[in-house]
Amino acid sequence: MGFEMRRKKRYEGAGKFTKRIKEIQKEVQVVLKKAQREMKRYADRKRSEREKYKVGDQVLLSTKDLKWQIEGM
């Protein structure tokens, strides 16, 4: 019919390649987990405890990020 049937043959190189890729994936997962723990530890050092407010507490608010509009202009 103009084409040859492909042989079902395992290639030794492909098996070695997939095995190595799986090993690399495991190594990368270990390294990423370590980096994630280190980044969390660093970020947690910079954080401070938040104030606990109750209904009725008086607080001061900053207006630096509010956009003010002057009426009549």
PDB file of N, CA and C in Angstrom:
ATOM      1  N   MET A   1       0.810  -1.191   0.000  1.00  0.00           N
ATOM      2  CA  MET A   1       0.000   0.000   0.000  1.00  0.00           C
ATOM      3  C   MET A   1       0.858   1.260   0.000  1.00  0.00           C
ATOM      4  N   GLY A   2       2.115   1.141  -0.093  1.00  0.00           N
ATOM      5  CA  GLY A   2       2.974   2.310  -0.138  1.00  0.00           C
ATOM      6  C   GLY A   2       3.568   2.703   1.202  1.00  0.00           C
ATOM      7  N   PHE A   3       3.309   1.943   2.241  1.00  0.00           N
ATOM      8  CA  PHE A   3       3.938   2.223   3.529  1.00  0.00           C
ATOM      9  C   PHE A   3       4.243   0.908   4.232  1.00  0.00           C
ATOM     10  N   GLU A   4       5.213   0.980   5.099  1.00  0.00           N
ATOM     11  CA  GLU A   4       5.578  -0.228   5.822  1.00  0.00           C
ATOM     12  C   GLU A   4       5.028  -0.147   7.248  1.00  0.00           C
ATOM     13  N   MET A   5       4.595  -1.237   7.761  1.00  0.00           N
ATOM     14  CA  MET A   5       4.113  -1.274   9.127  1.00  0.00           C
ATOM     15  C   MET A   5       5.278  -1.007  10.078  1.00  0.00           C
ATOM     16  N   ARG A   6       5.015  -0.206  11.079  1.00  0.00           N
ATOM     17  CA  ARG A   6       6.066   0.065  12.053  1.00  0.00           C
ATOM     18  C   ARG A   6       6.238  -1.145  12.960  1.00  0.00           C
ATOM     19  N   ARG A   7       7.469  -1.402  13.261  1.00  0.00           N
ATOM     20  CA  ARG A   7       7.749  -2.519  14.149  1.00  0.00           C
ATOM     21  C   ARG A   7       7.591  -2.065  15.591  1.00  0.00           C
ATOM     22  N   LYS A   8       7.025  -2.906  16.390  1.00  0.00           N
ATOM     23  CA  LYS A   8       6.905  -2.602  17.803  1.00  0.00           C
ATOM     24  C   LYS A   8       8.181  -3.081  18.477  1.00  0.00           C
ATOM     25  N   LYS A   9       9.101  -2.172  18.583  1.00  0.00           N
ATOM     26  CA  LYS A   9      10.398  -2.503  19.156  1.00  0.00           C
ATOM     27  C   LYS A   9      10.747  -1.449  20.186  1.00  0.00           C
ATOM     28  N   ARG A  10      11.239  -1.866  21.294  1.00  0.00           N
ATOM     29  CA  ARG A  10      11.646  -0.923  22.324  1.00  0.00           C
ATOM     30  C   ARG A  10      13.066  -0.458  22.014  1.00  0.00           C
ATOM     31  N   TYR A  11      13.226   0.821  22.108  1.00  0.00           N
ATOM     32  CA  TYR A  11      14.542   1.385  21.888  1.00  0.00           C
ATOM     33  C   TYR A  11      15.201   1.591  23.243  1.00  0.00           C
ATOM     34  N   GLU A  12      16.375   1.046  23.383  1.00  0.00           N
ATOM     35  CA  GLU A  12      17.100   1.118  24.646  1.00  0.00           C
ATOM     36  C   GLU A  12      17.371   2.562  25.045  1.00  0.00           C
ATOM     37  N   GLY A  13      17.698   3.402  24.088  1.00  0.00           N
ATOM     38  CA  GLY A  13      17.979   4.808  24.363  1.00  0.00           C
ATOM     39  C   GLY A  13      16.773   5.542  24.905  1.00  0.00           C
ATOM     40  N   ALA A  14      15.600   5.221  24.412  1.00  0.00           N
ATOM     41  CA  ALA A  14      14.376   5.879  24.886  1.00  0.00           C
ATOM     42  C   ALA A  14      14.100   5.503  26.335  1.00  0.00           C
ATOM     43  N   GLY A  15      14.326   4.273  26.703  1.00  0.00           N
ATOM     44  CA  GLY A  15      14.131   3.840  28.080  1.00  0.00           C
ATOM     45  C   GLY A  15      15.080   4.546  29.037  1.00  0.00           C
ATOM     46  N   LYS A  16      16.332   4.673  28.632  1.00  0.00           N
ATOM     47  CA  LYS A  16      17.316   5.383  29.453  1.00  0.00           C
ATOM     48  C   LYS A  16      16.938   6.852  29.585  1.00  0.00           C
ATOM     49  N   PHE A  17      16.458   7.425  28.481  1.00  0.00           N
ATOM     50  CA  PHE A  17      16.072   8.839  28.472  1.00  0.00           C
ATOM     51  C   PHE A  17      14.926   9.094  29.448  1.00  0.00           C
ATOM     52  N   THR A  18      13.882   8.273  29.380  1.00  0.00           N
ATOM     53  CA  THR A  18      12.743   8.482  30.266  1.00  0.00           C
ATOM     54  C   THR A  18      13.126   8.250  31.727  1.00  0.00           C
ATOM     55  N   LYS A  19      13.990   7.294  31.979  1.00  0.00           N
ATOM     56  CA  LYS A  19      14.448   7.053  33.350  1.00  0.00           C
ATOM     57  C   LYS A  19      15.199   8.267  33.888  1.00  0.00           C
ATOM     58  N   ARG A  20      16.057   8.839  33.057  1.00  0.00           N
ATOM     59  CA  ARG A  20      16.834  10.016  33.470  1.00  0.00           C
ATOM     60  C   ARG A  20      15.921  11.222  33.690  1.00  0.00           C
ATOM     61  N   ILE A  21      14.928  11.392  32.829  1.00  0.00           N
ATOM     62  CA  ILE A  21      13.977  12.501  32.989  1.00  0.00           C
ATOM     63  C   ILE A  21      13.237  12.369  34.314  1.00  0.00           C
ATOM     64  N   LYS A  22      12.819  11.159  34.675  1.00  0.00           N
ATOM     65  CA  LYS A  22      12.128  10.948  35.949  1.00  0.00           C
ATOM     66  C   LYS A  22      13.041  11.261  37.129  1.00  0.00           C
ATOM     67  N   GLU A  23      14.313  10.895  37.026  1.00  0.00           N
ATOM     68  CA  GLU A  23      15.276  11.207  38.085  1.00  0.00           C
ATOM     69  C   GLU A  23      15.449  12.716  38.233  1.00  0.00           C
ATOM     70  N   ILE A  24      15.537  13.396  37.102  1.00  0.00           N
ATOM     71  CA  ILE A  24      15.690  14.856  37.117  1.00  0.00           C
ATOM     72  C   ILE A  24      14.456  15.503  37.744  1.00  0.00           C
ATOM     73  N   GLN A  25      13.268  15.013  37.399  1.00  0.00           N
ATOM     74  CA  GLN A  25      12.039  15.561  37.973  1.00  0.00           C
ATOM     75  C   GLN A  25      12.033  15.427  39.492  1.00  0.00           C
ATOM     76  N   LYS A  26      12.465  14.289  40.011  1.00  0.00           N
ATOM     77  CA  LYS A  26      12.518  14.098  41.460  1.00  0.00           C
ATOM     78  C   LYS A  26      13.503  15.074  42.098  1.00  0.00           C
ATOM     79  N   GLU A  27      14.665  15.239  41.464  1.00  0.00           N
ATOM     80  CA  GLU A  27      15.670  16.171  41.985  1.00  0.00           C
ATOM     81  C   GLU A  27      15.130  17.602  41.996  1.00  0.00           C
ATOM     82  N   VAL A  28      14.448  17.977  40.941  1.00  0.00           N
ATOM     83  CA  VAL A  28      13.890  19.327  40.841  1.00  0.00           C
ATOM     84  C   VAL A  28      12.821  19.545  41.908  1.00  0.00           C
ATOM     85  N   GLN A  29      11.982  18.555  42.148  1.00  0.00           N
ATOM     86  CA  GLN A  29      10.960  18.675  43.185  1.00  0.00           C
ATOM     87  C   GLN A  29      11.593  18.908  44.551  1.00  0.00           C
ATOM     88  N   VAL A  30      12.669  18.195  44.846  1.00  0.00           N
ATOM     89  CA  VAL A  30      13.355  18.359  46.130  1.00  0.00           C
ATOM     90  C   VAL A  30      13.905  19.776  46.246  1.00  0.00           C
ATOM     91  N   VAL A  31      14.546  20.259  45.189  1.00  0.00           N
ATOM     92  CA  VAL A  31      15.141  21.596  45.205  1.00  0.00           C
ATOM     93  C   VAL A  31      14.060  22.670  45.331  1.00  0.00           C
ATOM     94  N   LEU A  32      12.952  22.508  44.614  1.00  0.00           N
ATOM     95  CA  LEU A  32      11.872  23.485  44.687  1.00  0.00           C
ATOM     96  C   LEU A  32      11.232  23.522  46.073  1.00  0.00           C
ATOM     97  N   LYS A  33      11.052  22.364  46.694  1.00  0.00           N
ATOM     98  CA  LYS A  33      10.504  22.327  48.050  1.00  0.00           C
ATOM     99  C   LYS A  33      11.430  23.044  49.024  1.00  0.00           C
ATOM    100  N   LYS A  34      12.734  22.834  48.869  1.00  0.00           N
ATOM    101  CA  LYS A  34      13.709  23.495  49.743  1.00  0.00           C
ATOM    102  C   LYS A  34      13.638  25.011  49.543  1.00  0.00           C
ATOM    103  N   ALA A  35      13.601  25.447  48.299  1.00  0.00           N
ATOM    104  CA  ALA A  35      13.526  26.881  48.001  1.00  0.00           C
ATOM    105  C   ALA A  35      12.230  27.471  48.564  1.00  0.00           C
ATOM    106  N   GLN A  36      11.148  26.742  48.460  1.00  0.00           N
ATOM    107  CA  GLN A  36       9.861  27.206  48.977  1.00  0.00           C
ATOM    108  C   GLN A  36       9.926  27.389  50.493  1.00  0.00           C
ATOM    109  N   ARG A  37      10.521  26.433  51.193  1.00  0.00           N
ATOM    110  CA  ARG A  37      10.654  26.548  52.655  1.00  0.00           C
ATOM    111  C   ARG A  37      11.514  27.747  53.030  1.00  0.00           C
ATOM    112  N   GLU A  38      12.617  27.950  52.310  1.00  0.00           N
ATOM    113  CA  GLU A  38      13.506  29.073  52.603  1.00  0.00           C
ATOM    114  C   GLU A  38      12.820  30.411  52.346  1.00  0.00           C
ATOM    115  N   MET A  39      12.061  30.508  51.261  1.00  0.00           N
ATOM    116  CA  MET A  39      11.362  31.755  50.958  1.00  0.00           C
ATOM    117  C   MET A  39      10.287  32.039  52.002  1.00  0.00           C
ATOM    118  N   LYS A  40       9.597  31.006  52.459  1.00  0.00           N
ATOM    119  CA  LYS A  40       8.586  31.191  53.496  1.00  0.00           C
ATOM    120  C   LYS A  40       9.244  31.656  54.791  1.00  0.00           C
ATOM    121  N   ARG A  41      10.349  31.034  55.149  1.00  0.00           N
ATOM    122  CA  ARG A  41      11.041  31.420  56.380  1.00  0.00           C
ATOM    123  C   ARG A  41      11.494  32.874  56.315  1.00  0.00           C
ATOM    124  N   TYR A  42      12.019  33.288  55.172  1.00  0.00           N
ATOM    125  CA  TYR A  42      12.466  34.674  55.000  1.00  0.00           C
ATOM    126  C   TYR A  42      11.285  35.639  55.076  1.00  0.00           C
ATOM    127  N   ALA A  43      10.183  35.299  54.408  1.00  0.00           N
ATOM    128  CA  ALA A  43       9.002  36.170  54.406  1.00  0.00           C
ATOM    129  C   ALA A  43       8.405  36.258  55.800  1.00  0.00           C
ATOM    130  N   ASP A  44       8.387  35.162  56.525  1.00  0.00           N
ATOM    131  CA  ASP A  44       7.822  35.160  57.867  1.00  0.00           C
ATOM    132  C   ASP A  44       8.635  36.022  58.829  1.00  0.00           C
ATOM    133  N   ARG A  45       9.932  36.136  58.603  1.00  0.00           N
ATOM    134  CA  ARG A  45      10.761  36.987  59.469  1.00  0.00           C
ATOM    135  C   ARG A  45      10.369  38.447  59.332  1.00  0.00           C
ATOM    136  N   LYS A  46       9.955  38.858  58.152  1.00  0.00           N
ATOM    137  CA  LYS A  46       9.604  40.252  57.875  1.00  0.00           C
ATOM    138  C   LYS A  46       8.205  40.605  58.378  1.00  0.00           C
ATOM    139  N   ARG A  47       7.377  39.605  58.624  1.00  0.00           N
ATOM    140  CA  ARG A  47       6.008  39.855  59.060  1.00  0.00           C
ATOM    141  C   ARG A  47       5.981  40.145  60.555  1.00  0.00           C
ATOM    142  N   SER A  48       5.033  40.952  60.926  1.00  0.00           N
ATOM    143  CA  SER A  48       4.843  41.225  62.346  1.00  0.00           C
ATOM    144  C   SER A  48       3.429  40.806  62.730  1.00  0.00           C
ATOM    145  N   GLU A  49       3.214  40.668  64.008  1.00  0.00           N
ATOM    146  CA  GLU A  49       1.884  40.300  64.491  1.00  0.00           C
ATOM    147  C   GLU A  49       0.902  41.424  64.179  1.00  0.00           C
ATOM    148  N   ARG A  50      -0.273  41.069  63.733  1.00  0.00           N
ATOM    149  CA  ARG A  50      -1.294  42.073  63.450  1.00  0.00           C
ATOM    150  C   ARG A  50      -2.015  42.439  64.733  1.00  0.00           C
ATOM    151  N   GLU A  51      -2.457  43.674  64.755  1.00  0.00           N
ATOM    152  CA  GLU A  51      -3.252  44.132  65.889  1.00  0.00           C
ATOM    153  C   GLU A  51      -4.603  43.447  65.839  1.00  0.00           C
ATOM    154  N   LYS A  52      -5.134  43.127  66.998  1.00  0.00           N
ATOM    155  CA  LYS A  52      -6.465  42.528  67.085  1.00  0.00           C
ATOM    156  C   LYS A  52      -7.442  43.631  67.486  1.00  0.00           C
ATOM    157  N   TYR A  53      -8.366  43.940  66.594  1.00  0.00           N
ATOM    158  CA  TYR A  53      -9.347  44.987  66.855  1.00  0.00           C
ATOM    159  C   TYR A  53     -10.694  44.368  67.195  1.00  0.00           C
ATOM    160  N   LYS A  54     -11.429  45.069  68.048  1.00  0.00           N
ATOM    161  CA  LYS A  54     -12.776  44.642  68.407  1.00  0.00           C
ATOM    162  C   LYS A  54     -13.754  45.720  67.926  1.00  0.00           C
ATOM    163  N   VAL A  55     -14.978  45.330  67.754  1.00  0.00           N
ATOM    164  CA  VAL A  55     -16.015  46.290  67.377  1.00  0.00           C
ATOM    165  C   VAL A  55     -16.051  47.375  68.439  1.00  0.00           C
ATOM    166  N   GLY A  56     -16.002  48.624  67.999  1.00  0.00           N
ATOM    167  CA  GLY A  56     -16.041  49.756  68.921  1.00  0.00           C
ATOM    168  C   GLY A  56     -14.667  50.363  69.187  1.00  0.00           C
ATOM    169  N   ASP A  57     -13.573  49.672  68.812  1.00  0.00           N
ATOM    170  CA  ASP A  57     -12.238  50.237  68.984  1.00  0.00           C
ATOM    171  C   ASP A  57     -12.073  51.445  68.072  1.00  0.00           C
ATOM    172  N   GLN A  58     -11.378  52.460  68.569  1.00  0.00           N
ATOM    173  CA  GLN A  58     -11.086  53.628  67.745  1.00  0.00           C
ATOM    174  C   GLN A  58      -9.691  53.471  67.150  1.00  0.00           C
ATOM    175  N   VAL A  59      -9.592  53.773  65.858  1.00  0.00           N
ATOM    176  CA  VAL A  59      -8.315  53.630  65.157  1.00  0.00           C
ATOM    177  C   VAL A  59      -8.057  54.858  64.307  1.00  0.00           C
ATOM    178  N   LEU A  60      -6.793  55.095  63.987  1.00  0.00           N
ATOM    179  CA  LEU A  60      -6.426  56.169  63.072  1.00  0.00           C
ATOM    180  C   LEU A  60      -6.220  55.560  61.692  1.00  0.00           C
ATOM    181  N   LEU A  61      -6.743  56.226  60.680  1.00  0.00           N
ATOM    182  CA  LEU A  61      -6.605  55.750  59.306  1.00  0.00           C
ATOM    183  C   LEU A  61      -5.760  56.717  58.505  1.00  0.00           C
ATOM    184  N   SER A  62      -4.975  56.207  57.600  1.00  0.00           N
ATOM    185  CA  SER A  62      -4.183  57.035  56.705  1.00  0.00           C
ATOM    186  C   SER A  62      -5.030  57.399  55.493  1.00  0.00           C
ATOM    187  N   THR A  63      -4.886  58.627  55.028  1.00  0.00           N
ATOM    188  CA  THR A  63      -5.620  59.060  53.831  1.00  0.00           C
ATOM    189  C   THR A  63      -4.688  59.209  52.632  1.00  0.00           C
ATOM    190  N   LYS A  64      -3.479  58.710  52.735  1.00  0.00           N
ATOM    191  CA  LYS A  64      -2.500  58.932  51.664  1.00  0.00           C
ATOM    192  C   LYS A  64      -2.916  58.315  50.331  1.00  0.00           C
ATOM    193  N   ASP A  65      -3.700  57.255  50.352  1.00  0.00           N
ATOM    194  CA  ASP A  65      -4.101  56.611  49.092  1.00  0.00           C
ATOM    195  C   ASP A  65      -5.504  56.995  48.639  1.00  0.00           C
ATOM    196  N   LEU A  66      -6.145  57.902  49.342  1.00  0.00           N
ATOM    197  CA  LEU A  66      -7.484  58.349  48.945  1.00  0.00           C
ATOM    198  C   LEU A  66      -7.385  59.485  47.933  1.00  0.00           C
ATOM    199  N   LYS A  67      -8.239  59.449  46.945  1.00  0.00           N
ATOM    200  CA  LYS A  67      -8.283  60.534  45.967  1.00  0.00           C
ATOM    201  C   LYS A  67      -9.401  61.483  46.392  1.00  0.00           C
ATOM    202  N   TRP A  68      -9.046  62.716  46.620  1.00  0.00           N
ATOM    203  CA  TRP A  68     -10.011  63.698  47.077  1.00  0.00           C
ATOM    204  C   TRP A  68     -10.535  64.508  45.905  1.00  0.00           C
ATOM    205  N   GLN A  69     -11.820  64.813  45.953  1.00  0.00           N
ATOM    206  CA  GLN A  69     -12.418  65.671  44.945  1.00  0.00           C
ATOM    207  C   GLN A  69     -12.957  66.899  45.638  1.00  0.00           C
ATOM    208  N   ILE A  70     -12.646  68.040  45.088  1.00  0.00           N
ATOM    209  CA  ILE A  70     -13.145  69.306  45.650  1.00  0.00           C
ATOM    210  C   ILE A  70     -14.367  69.702  44.834  1.00  0.00           C
ATOM    211  N   GLU A  71     -15.497  69.841  45.536  1.00  0.00           N
ATOM    212  CA  GLU A  71     -16.740  70.184  44.841  1.00  0.00           C
ATOM    213  C   GLU A  71     -16.732  71.665  44.465  1.00  0.00           C
ATOM    214  N   GLY A  72     -17.384  71.991  43.359  1.00  0.00           N
ATOM    215  CA  GLY A  72     -17.540  73.363  42.928  1.00  0.00           C
ATOM    216  C   GLY A  72     -16.375  73.859  42.069  1.00  0.00           C
ATOM    217  N   MET A  73     -15.462  73.042  41.756  1.00  0.00           N
ATOM    218  CA  MET A  73     -14.338  73.494  40.926  1.00  0.00           C
ATOM    219  C   MET A  73     -14.446  72.932  39.546  1.00  0.00           C
TER     220      MET A  73
END
